[in-house]
All heavy atoms as atom14 arrays in JSON, in Angstrom:
{
  "sequence": "SGRTFSMYAMSWFRQAPGKEREFVAAISGS",
  "atom14_mask": [
    [1, 1, 1, 1, 1, 1, 0, 0, 0, 0, 0, 0, 0, 0],
    [1, 1, 1, 1, 0, 0, 0, 0, 0, 0, 0, 0, 0, 0],
    [1, 1, 1, 1, 1, 1, 1, 1, 1, 1, 1, 0, 0, 0],
    [1, 1, 1, 1, 1, 1, 1, 0, 0, 0, 0, 0, 0, 0],
    [1, 1, 1, 1, 1, 1, 1, 1, 1, 1, 1, 0, 0, 0],
    [1, 1, 1, 1, 1, 1, 0, 0, 0, 0, 0, 0, 0, 0],
    [1, 1, 1, 1, 1, 1, 1, 1, 0, 0, 0, 0, 0, 0],
    [1, 1, 1, 1, 1, 1, 1, 1, 1, 1, 1, 1, 0, 0],
    [1, 1, 1, 1, 1, 0, 0, 0, 0, 0, 0, 0, 0, 0],
    [1, 1, 1, 1, 1, 1, 1, 1, 0, 0, 0, 0, 0, 0],
    [1, 1, 1, 1, 1, 1, 0, 0, 0, 0, 0, 0, 0, 0],
    [1, 1, 1, 1, 1, 1, 1, 1, 1, 1, 1, 1, 1, 1],
    [1, 1, 1, 1, 1, 1, 1, 1, 1, 1, 1, 0, 0, 0],
    [1, 1, 1, 1, 1, 1, 1, 1, 1, 1, 1, 0, 0, 0],
    [1, 1, 1, 1, 1, 1, 1, 1, 1, 0, 0, 0, 0, 0],
    [1, 1, 1, 1, 1, 0, 0, 0, 0, 0, 0, 0, 0, 0],
    [1, 1, 1, 1, 1, 1, 1, 0, 0, 0, 0, 0, 0, 0],
    [1, 1, 1, 1, 0, 0, 0, 0, 0, 0, 0, 0, 0, 0],
    [1, 1, 1, 1, 1, 1, 1, 1, 1, 0, 0, 0, 0, 0],
    [1, 1, 1, 1, 1, 1, 1, 1, 1, 0, 0, 0, 0, 0],
    [1, 1, 1, 1, 1, 1, 1, 1, 1, 1, 1, 0, 0, 0],
    [1, 1, 1, 1, 1, 1, 1, 1, 1, 0, 0, 0, 0, 0],
    [1, 1, 1, 1, 1, 1, 1, 1, 1, 1, 1, 0, 0, 0],
    [1, 1, 1, 1, 1, 1, 1, 0, 0, 0, 0, 0, 0, 0],
    [1, 1, 1, 1, 1, 0, 0, 0, 0, 0, 0, 0, 0, 0],
    [1, 1, 1, 1, 1, 0, 0, 0, 0, 0, 0, 0, 0, 0],
    [1, 1, 1, 1, 1, 1, 1, 1, 0, 0, 0, 0, 0, 0],
    [1, 1, 1, 1, 1, 1, 0, 0, 0, 0, 0, 0, 0, 0],
    [1, 1, 1, 1, 0, 0, 0, 0, 0, 0, 0, 0, 0, 0],
    [1, 1, 1, 1, 1, 1, 0, 0, 0, 0, 0, 0, 0, 0]
  ],
  "atom14_positions": [
    [[10.42, -5.3, -6.15], [11.66, -5.44, -6.89], [12.49, -4.18, -6.72], [11.94, -3.06, -6.64], [11.35, -5.68, -8.36], [10.7, -4.55, -8.93], [0.0, 0.0, 0.0], [0.0, 0.0, 0.0], [0.0, 0.0, 0.0], [0.0, 0.0, 0.0], [0.0, 0.0, 0.0], [0.0, 0.0, 0.0], [0.0, 0.0, 0.0], [0.0, 0.0, 0.0]],
    [[13.8, -4.34, -6.64], [14.67, -3.2, -6.5], [14.86, -2.77, -5.06], [13.92, -2.28, -4.44], [0.0, 0.0, 0.0], [0.0, 0.0, 0.0], [0.0, 0.0, 0.0], [0.0, 0.0, 0.0], [0.0, 0.0, 0.0], [0.0, 0.0, 0.0], [0.0, 0.0, 0.0], [0.0, 0.0, 0.0], [0.0, 0.0, 0.0], [0.0, 0.0, 0.0]],
    [[16.05, -2.96, -4.54], [16.31, -2.61, -3.15], [16.16, -1.13, -2.87], [15.69, -0.75, -1.8], [17.72, -3.07, -2.77], [17.89, -4.58, -2.77], [19.26, -4.97, -2.27], [19.43, -6.41, -2.32], [18.99, -7.27, -1.4], [18.33, -6.79, -0.34], [19.19, -8.56, -1.53], [0.0, 0.0, 0.0], [0.0, 0.0, 0.0], [0.0, 0.0, 0.0]],
    [[16.54, -0.26, -3.8], [16.45, 1.18, -3.58], [15.01, 1.65, -3.45], [14.72, 2.58, -2.67], [17.12, 1.94, -4.72], [16.51, 1.6, -5.97], [18.6, 1.64, -4.78], [0.0, 0.0, 0.0], [0.0, 0.0, 0.0], [0.0, 0.0, 0.0], [0.0, 0.0, 0.0], [0.0, 0.0, 0.0], [0.0, 0.0, 0.0], [0.0, 0.0, 0.0]],
    [[14.1, 1.01, -4.12], [12.71, 1.42, -4.07], [11.97, 0.93, -2.85], [10.84, 1.37, -2.58], [11.99, 0.95, -5.34], [12.49, 1.58, -6.61], [13.38, 0.89, -7.42], [12.11, 2.86, -6.96], [13.84, 1.47, -8.57], [12.6, 3.46, -8.12], [13.48, 2.77, -8.93], [0.0, 0.0, 0.0], [0.0, 0.0, 0.0], [0.0, 0.0, 0.0]],
    [[12.59, 0.05, -2.1], [11.96, -0.45, -0.87], [11.89, 0.61, 0.22], [11.23, 0.4, 1.22], [12.74, -1.69, -0.37], [14.01, -1.33, 0.11], [0.0, 0.0, 0.0], [0.0, 0.0, 0.0], [0.0, 0.0, 0.0], [0.0, 0.0, 0.0], [0.0, 0.0, 0.0], [0.0, 0.0, 0.0], [0.0, 0.0, 0.0], [0.0, 0.0, 0.0]],
    [[12.57, 1.74, 0.01], [12.56, 2.81, 1.01], [11.36, 3.77, 0.87], [11.2, 4.64, 1.7], [13.86, 3.59, 0.95], [15.09, 2.79, 1.31], [14.96, 2.12, 2.99], [14.94, 3.6, 3.96], [0.0, 0.0, 0.0], [0.0, 0.0, 0.0], [0.0, 0.0, 0.0], [0.0, 0.0, 0.0], [0.0, 0.0, 0.0], [0.0, 0.0, 0.0]],
    [[10.59, 3.62, -0.17], [9.41, 4.47, -0.34], [8.32, 4.02, 0.63], [8.23, 2.87, 1.04], [8.87, 4.37, -1.78], [9.68, 5.18, -2.77], [10.8, 4.64, -3.37], [9.29, 6.48, -3.1], [11.53, 5.36, -4.29], [10.01, 7.22, -4.02], [11.14, 6.65, -4.6], [11.86, 7.39, -5.53], [0.0, 0.0, 0.0], [0.0, 0.0, 0.0]],
    [[7.47, 4.98, 0.97], [6.29, 4.63, 1.77], [5.44, 3.64, 1.03], [5.38, 3.63, -0.2], [5.48, 5.9, 2.07], [0.0, 0.0, 0.0], [0.0, 0.0, 0.0], [0.0, 0.0, 0.0], [0.0, 0.0, 0.0], [0.0, 0.0, 0.0], [0.0, 0.0, 0.0], [0.0, 0.0, 0.0], [0.0, 0.0, 0.0], [0.0, 0.0, 0.0]],
    [[4.79, 2.75, 1.75], [3.97, 1.71, 1.15], [2.62, 1.64, 1.85], [2.51, 1.96, 3.04], [4.69, 0.35, 1.28], [6.0, 0.23, 0.54], [5.78, 0.09, -1.24], [5.06, -1.58, -1.36], [0.0, 0.0, 0.0], [0.0, 0.0, 0.0], [0.0, 0.0, 0.0], [0.0, 0.0, 0.0], [0.0, 0.0, 0.0], [0.0, 0.0, 0.0]],
    [[1.63, 1.2, 1.13], [0.28, 1.1, 1.7], [-0.39, -0.22, 1.29], [-0.03, -0.81, 0.28], [-0.61, 2.28, 1.26], [-0.15, 3.5, 1.77], [0.0, 0.0, 0.0], [0.0, 0.0, 0.0], [0.0, 0.0, 0.0], [0.0, 0.0, 0.0], [0.0, 0.0, 0.0], [0.0, 0.0, 0.0], [0.0, 0.0, 0.0], [0.0, 0.0, 0.0]],
    [[-1.35, -0.58, 2.08], [-2.25, -1.71, 1.76], [-3.63, -1.17, 1.53], [-4.13, -0.32, 2.29], [-2.28, -2.73, 2.87], [-1.08, -3.6, 3.0], [0.0, -3.42, 3.8], [-0.81, -4.8, 2.28], [0.92, -4.43, 3.62], [0.43, -5.31, 2.69], [-1.54, -5.54, 1.32], [1.0, -6.47, 2.18], [-0.97, -6.71, 0.8], [0.27, -7.14, 1.23]],
    [[-4.29, -1.66, 0.5], [-5.66, -1.34, 0.17], [-6.42, -2.64, 0.03], [-5.83, -3.72, -0.13], [-5.77, -0.55, -1.14], [-5.21, 0.83, -1.07], [-3.85, 1.07, -1.24], [-6.05, 1.91, -0.89], [-3.33, 2.35, -1.2], [-5.54, 3.2, -0.85], [-4.2, 3.43, -1.0], [0.0, 0.0, 0.0], [0.0, 0.0, 0.0], [0.0, 0.0, 0.0]],
    [[-7.75, -2.56, 0.06], [-8.54, -3.73, -0.18], [-9.81, -3.35, -0.93], [-10.26, -2.21, -0.87], [-8.93, -4.42, 1.14], [-9.83, -3.64, 2.05], [-9.98, -4.35, 3.4], [-10.9, -3.69, 4.26], [-11.13, -4.01, 5.54], [-10.47, -5.05, 6.05], [-11.99, -3.34, 6.28], [0.0, 0.0, 0.0], [0.0, 0.0, 0.0], [0.0, 0.0, 0.0]],
    [[-10.37, -4.3, -1.64], [-11.57, -4.06, -2.41], [-12.4, -5.33, -2.44], [-11.94, -6.4, -2.83], [-11.25, -3.6, -3.82], [-12.46, -3.2, -4.62], [-12.11, -2.52, -5.93], [-11.03, -2.75, -6.5], [-12.98, -1.63, -6.38], [0.0, 0.0, 0.0], [0.0, 0.0, 0.0], [0.0, 0.0, 0.0], [0.0, 0.0, 0.0], [0.0, 0.0, 0.0]],
    [[-13.65, -5.2, -2.02], [-14.61, -6.29, -2.08], [-15.45, -6.14, -3.33], [-15.62, -5.02, -3.85], [-15.48, -6.29, -0.81], [0.0, 0.0, 0.0], [0.0, 0.0, 0.0], [0.0, 0.0, 0.0], [0.0, 0.0, 0.0], [0.0, 0.0, 0.0], [0.0, 0.0, 0.0], [0.0, 0.0, 0.0], [0.0, 0.0, 0.0], [0.0, 0.0, 0.0]],
    [[-16.01, -7.22, -3.85], [-16.84, -7.15, -5.06], [-17.98, -6.14, -4.87], [-18.69, -6.18, -3.88], [-17.38, -8.56, -5.22], [-16.32, -9.41, -4.59], [-15.85, -8.62, -3.4], [0.0, 0.0, 0.0], [0.0, 0.0, 0.0], [0.0, 0.0, 0.0], [0.0, 0.0, 0.0], [0.0, 0.0, 0.0], [0.0, 0.0, 0.0], [0.0, 0.0, 0.0]],
    [[-18.15, -5.25, -5.85], [-19.2, -4.27, -5.82], [-18.93, -3.09, -4.88], [-19.79, -2.22, -4.75], [0.0, 0.0, 0.0], [0.0, 0.0, 0.0], [0.0, 0.0, 0.0], [0.0, 0.0, 0.0], [0.0, 0.0, 0.0], [0.0, 0.0, 0.0], [0.0, 0.0, 0.0], [0.0, 0.0, 0.0], [0.0, 0.0, 0.0], [0.0, 0.0, 0.0]],
    [[-17.78, -3.06, -4.26], [-17.43, -1.98, -3.33], [-16.25, -1.19, -3.86], [-15.48, -1.65, -4.7], [-17.06, -2.56, -1.95], [-18.15, -3.38, -1.29], [-19.3, -2.52, -0.91], [-20.36, -3.33, -0.15], [-21.51, -2.51, 0.28], [0.0, 0.0, 0.0], [0.0, 0.0, 0.0], [0.0, 0.0, 0.0], [0.0, 0.0, 0.0], [0.0, 0.0, 0.0]],
    [[-16.12, 0.03, -3.38], [-14.99, 0.86, -3.75], [-13.73, 0.39, -3.04], [-13.79, -0.19, -1.97], [-15.27, 2.32, -3.39], [-16.36, 2.99, -4.2], [-16.48, 4.45, -3.89], [-15.87, 4.91, -2.9], [-17.16, 5.15, -4.64], [0.0, 0.0, 0.0], [0.0, 0.0, 0.0], [0.0, 0.0, 0.0], [0.0, 0.0, 0.0], [0.0, 0.0, 0.0]],
    [[-12.61, 0.63, -3.65], [-11.34, 0.3, -3.03], [-11.15, 1.19, -1.8], [-11.4, 2.41, -1.84], [-10.2, 0.52, -4.01], [-8.82, 0.15, -3.48], [-7.78, 0.34, -4.56], [-7.69, 1.74, -4.98], [-7.16, 2.14, -6.13], [-6.67, 1.24, -6.96], [-7.11, 3.41, -6.39], [0.0, 0.0, 0.0], [0.0, 0.0, 0.0], [0.0, 0.0, 0.0]],
    [[-10.7, 0.61, -0.69], [-10.52, 1.39, 0.51], [-9.1, 1.21, 1.07], [-8.47, 0.16, 0.94], [-11.55, 1.01, 1.58], [-11.44, -0.41, 2.1], [-12.39, -0.7, 3.25], [-12.78, 0.27, 3.95], [-12.73, -1.88, 3.46], [0.0, 0.0, 0.0], [0.0, 0.0, 0.0], [0.0, 0.0, 0.0], [0.0, 0.0, 0.0], [0.0, 0.0, 0.0]],
    [[-8.64, 2.27, 1.72], [-7.34, 2.27, 2.34], [-7.35, 1.41, 3.6], [-8.33, 1.44, 4.35], [-6.95, 3.72, 2.68], [-5.76, 3.82, 3.57], [-4.47, 3.75, 3.05], [-5.91, 4.03, 4.92], [-3.37, 3.86, 3.88], [-4.81, 4.14, 5.75], [-3.55, 4.06, 5.24], [0.0, 0.0, 0.0], [0.0, 0.0, 0.0], [0.0, 0.0, 0.0]],
    [[-6.27, 0.7, 3.84], [-6.18, -0.17, 5.03], [-5.11, 0.34, 5.96], [-5.34, 0.58, 7.15], [-5.89, -1.61, 4.64], [-5.71, -2.48, 5.9], [-7.04, -2.16, 3.77], [0.0, 0.0, 0.0], [0.0, 0.0, 0.0], [0.0, 0.0, 0.0], [0.0, 0.0, 0.0], [0.0, 0.0, 0.0], [0.0, 0.0, 0.0], [0.0, 0.0, 0.0]],
    [[-3.88, 0.47, 5.46], [-2.75, 0.87, 6.31], [-1.62, 1.42, 5.46], [-1.52, 1.11, 4.26], [-2.27, -0.34, 7.14], [0.0, 0.0, 0.0], [0.0, 0.0, 0.0], [0.0, 0.0, 0.0], [0.0, 0.0, 0.0], [0.0, 0.0, 0.0], [0.0, 0.0, 0.0], [0.0, 0.0, 0.0], [0.0, 0.0, 0.0], [0.0, 0.0, 0.0]],
    [[-0.76, 2.19, 6.08], [0.4, 2.76, 5.4], [1.6, 2.77, 6.34], [1.45, 2.84, 7.55], [0.1, 4.18, 4.91], [0.0, 0.0, 0.0], [0.0, 0.0, 0.0], [0.0, 0.0, 0.0], [0.0, 0.0, 0.0], [0.0, 0.0, 0.0], [0.0, 0.0, 0.0], [0.0, 0.0, 0.0], [0.0, 0.0, 0.0], [0.0, 0.0, 0.0]],
    [[2.78, 2.74, 5.74], [4.02, 2.79, 6.51], [5.01, 3.62, 5.76], [5.14, 3.59, 4.56], [4.54, 1.33, 6.74], [5.75, 1.34, 7.69], [4.88, 0.65, 5.42], [6.15, -0.03, 8.17], [0.0, 0.0, 0.0], [0.0, 0.0, 0.0], [0.0, 0.0, 0.0], [0.0, 0.0, 0.0], [0.0, 0.0, 0.0], [0.0, 0.0, 0.0]],
    [[5.76, 4.45, 6.5], [6.74, 5.32, 5.92], [7.93, 4.51, 5.43], [8.08, 3.31, 5.72], [7.2, 6.37, 6.94], [7.87, 5.74, 8.03], [0.0, 0.0, 0.0], [0.0, 0.0, 0.0], [0.0, 0.0, 0.0], [0.0, 0.0, 0.0], [0.0, 0.0, 0.0], [0.0, 0.0, 0.0], [0.0, 0.0, 0.0], [0.0, 0.0, 0.0]],
    [[8.78, 5.15, 4.65], [9.94, 4.45, 4.1], [10.85, 3.87, 5.16], [11.43, 2.78, 4.97], [0.0, 0.0, 0.0], [0.0, 0.0, 0.0], [0.0, 0.0, 0.0], [0.0, 0.0, 0.0], [0.0, 0.0, 0.0], [0.0, 0.0, 0.0], [0.0, 0.0, 0.0], [0.0, 0.0, 0.0], [0.0, 0.0, 0.0], [0.0, 0.0, 0.0]],
    [[10.97, 4.55, 6.27], [11.84, 4.09, 7.39], [11.17, 3.0, 8.19], [11.85, 2.26, 8.92], [12.19, 5.25, 8.3], [11.05, 5.73, 8.98], [0.0, 0.0, 0.0], [0.0, 0.0, 0.0], [0.0, 0.0, 0.0], [0.0, 0.0, 0.0], [0.0, 0.0, 0.0], [0.0, 0.0, 0.0], [0.0, 0.0, 0.0], [0.0, 0.0, 0.0]]
  ]
}
């Protein structure tokens, strides 16, 4: 939500049952 906030860097994480959350990928604002 919010067009202005879409310029922030964003990441994907994943978590399986019984496992810790882990980093998957990230992308800069541009």
